[in-house]
């Protein structure tokens, strides 16, 4: 009886556990598929991370270039202001030199005219 009971229990357990084992096998199969999908997603994320790293490096380079450009523009503005200041200063100096030369030549011309007038007055008188 003991043996019979064992056989009956085994049979019942086998009948009851077979669907459970089949269902667990299907769950394992589905989990394997999910693992494969997750591996694919991990690979895609690795590719995306690499792309993001590349973009960050490019942005860093662009930021450095912008900083350099801002510095260059600042230097150009300072240079332009200096140049305008120098032009104004030198323009005043050149104007003074031109005025002095005109004055000197006018004086020389007036002296010649005066000398000629004096000679003409002597000749007339």
Protein backbone atom coordinates (compact mmCIF):
# COMPACT_ATOMS: atom_id res chain seq x y z
CA UNK A 1 0.00 0.00 0.00
CA UNK A 2 2.76 2.25 0.76
CA UNK A 3 4.19 1.69 -2.67
CA UNK A 4 0.85 2.16 -4.31
CA UNK A 5 0.28 5.32 -2.45
CA UNK A 6 3.67 6.56 -3.49
CA UNK A 7 2.94 5.74 -7.11
CA UNK A 8 -0.42 7.47 -6.99
CA UNK A 9 1.13 10.52 -5.37
CA UNK A 10 3.86 10.58 -7.97
CA UNK A 11 1.32 10.34 -10.73
CA UNK A 12 -0.81 13.09 -9.25
CA UNK A 13 2.22 15.27 -8.64
CA UNK A 14 3.46 14.62 -12.16
CA UNK A 15 0.09 15.58 -13.62
CA UNK A 16 -0.13 18.68 -11.49
CA UNK A 17 3.50 19.74 -11.86
CA UNK A 18 3.77 19.21 -15.62
CA UNK A 19 1.67 22.29 -16.46
CA UNK A 20 3.57 24.26 -13.83
CA UNK A 21 6.90 23.19 -15.37
CA UNK A 22 5.64 24.06 -18.85
CA UNK A 23 4.52 27.46 -17.65
CA UNK A 24 7.86 28.04 -15.91
CA UNK A 25 9.62 27.03 -19.13
CA UNK A 26 7.57 29.61 -21.05
CA UNK A 27 8.39 32.22 -18.41
CA UNK A 28 12.10 31.34 -18.70
CA UNK A 29 11.85 31.62 -22.49
CA UNK A 30 10.21 35.02 -22.21
CA UNK A 31 12.77 36.17 -19.65
CA UNK A 32 15.57 35.07 -22.01
CA UNK A 33 13.95 37.21 -24.73
CA UNK A 34 13.75 40.13 -22.32
CA UNK A 35 17.41 39.66 -21.41
CA UNK A 36 18.33 39.79 -25.08
CA UNK A 37 16.26 42.94 -25.57
CA UNK A 38 17.84 44.53 -22.50
CA UNK A 39 21.29 43.65 -23.85
CA UNK A 40 20.33 45.36 -27.12
CA UNK A 41 19.10 48.41 -25.22
CA UNK A 42 22.35 48.48 -23.23
CA UNK A 43 24.32 48.45 -26.47
CA UNK A 44 22.20 51.26 -27.88
CA UNK A 45 22.68 53.25 -24.68
CA UNK A 46 26.44 52.75 -24.93
CA UNK A 47 26.35 54.13 -28.49
CA UNK A 48 24.21 57.06 -27.33
CA UNK A 49 26.58 57.75 -24.43
CA UNK A 50 29.50 57.84 -26.86
CA UNK A 51 27.61 60.26 -29.10
CA UNK A 52 26.75 62.45 -26.12
CA UNK A 53 30.42 62.45 -25.07
CA UNK A 54 31.39 63.50 -28.61
CA UNK A 55 28.78 66.28 -28.54
CA UNK A 56 30.04 67.47 -25.15
CA UNK A 57 33.59 67.61 -26.49
CA UNK A 58 32.42 69.60 -29.50
CA UNK A 59 30.47 71.97 -27.25
CA UNK A 60 33.55 72.46 -25.06
CA UNK A 61 35.58 73.33 -28.16
CA UNK A 62 32.87 75.73 -29.35
CA UNK A 63 32.77 77.38 -25.91
CA UNK A 64 36.54 77.81 -25.99
CA UNK A 65 36.35 79.27 -29.49
CA UNK A 66 33.61 81.70 -28.40
CA UNK A 67 35.72 82.76 -25.40
CA UNK A 68 38.69 83.39 -27.71
CA UNK A 69 36.49 85.34 -30.13
CA UNK A 70 35.12 87.47 -27.32
CA UNK A 71 38.66 88.16 -26.16
CA UNK A 72 39.73 89.05 -29.70
CA UNK A 73 36.72 91.36 -30.15
CA UNK A 74 37.54 93.06 -26.85
CA UNK A 75 41.15 93.56 -27.95
CA UNK A 76 39.97 94.91 -31.32
CA UNK A 77 37.64 97.39 -29.60
CA UNK A 78 40.48 98.59 -27.39
CA UNK A 79 42.77 98.88 -30.42
CA UNK A 80 40.13 100.76 -32.38
CA UNK A 81 39.60 103.20 -29.51
CA UNK A 82 43.37 103.76 -29.28
CA UNK A 83 43.57 104.25 -33.04
CA UNK A 84 40.74 106.79 -33.03
CA UNK A 85 42.36 108.60 -30.12
CA UNK A 86 45.71 108.67 -31.95
CA UNK A 87 44.09 109.86 -35.17
CA UNK A 88 42.40 112.74 -33.35
CA UNK A 89 45.63 113.67 -31.57
CA UNK A 90 47.74 113.48 -34.72
CA UNK A 91 45.11 115.25 -36.79
CA UNK A 92 45.39 118.19 -34.42
CA UNK A 93 49.18 118.14 -34.70
CA UNK A 94 49.04 117.97 -38.51
CA UNK A 95 46.52 120.80 -38.61
CA UNK A 96 48.83 122.91 -36.45
CA UNK A 97 51.80 122.11 -38.72
CA UNK A 98 49.81 122.98 -41.84
CA UNK A 99 48.62 126.23 -40.27
CA UNK A 100 52.21 127.07 -39.26
CA UNK A 101 53.47 126.38 -42.80
CA UNK A 102 50.70 128.51 -44.30
CA UNK A 103 51.57 131.25 -41.82
CA UNK A 104 55.28 131.02 -42.60
CA UNK A 105 54.70 131.10 -46.36
CA UNK A 106 52.19 133.92 -46.05
CA UNK A 107 54.75 135.90 -44.04
CA UNK A 108 57.43 135.20 -46.66
CA UNK A 109 55.08 136.15 -49.47
CA UNK A 110 53.99 139.32 -47.67
CA UNK A 111 57.66 140.22 -47.14
CA UNK A 112 58.37 139.77 -50.85
CA UNK A 113 55.33 141.82 -51.82
CA UNK A 114 56.40 144.51 -49.35
CA UNK A 115 59.94 144.49 -50.76
CA UNK A 116 58.57 144.74 -54.31
CA UNK A 117 56.23 147.56 -53.31
CA UNK A 118 59.12 149.37 -51.67
CA UNK A 119 61.18 149.03 -54.83
CA UNK A 120 58.25 150.22 -56.94
CA UNK A 121 57.72 153.26 -54.65
CA UNK A 122 61.40 154.13 -54.91
CA UNK A 123 61.26 153.83 -58.66
CA UNK A 124 58.16 155.97 -58.85
CA UNK A 125 59.42 158.56 -56.47
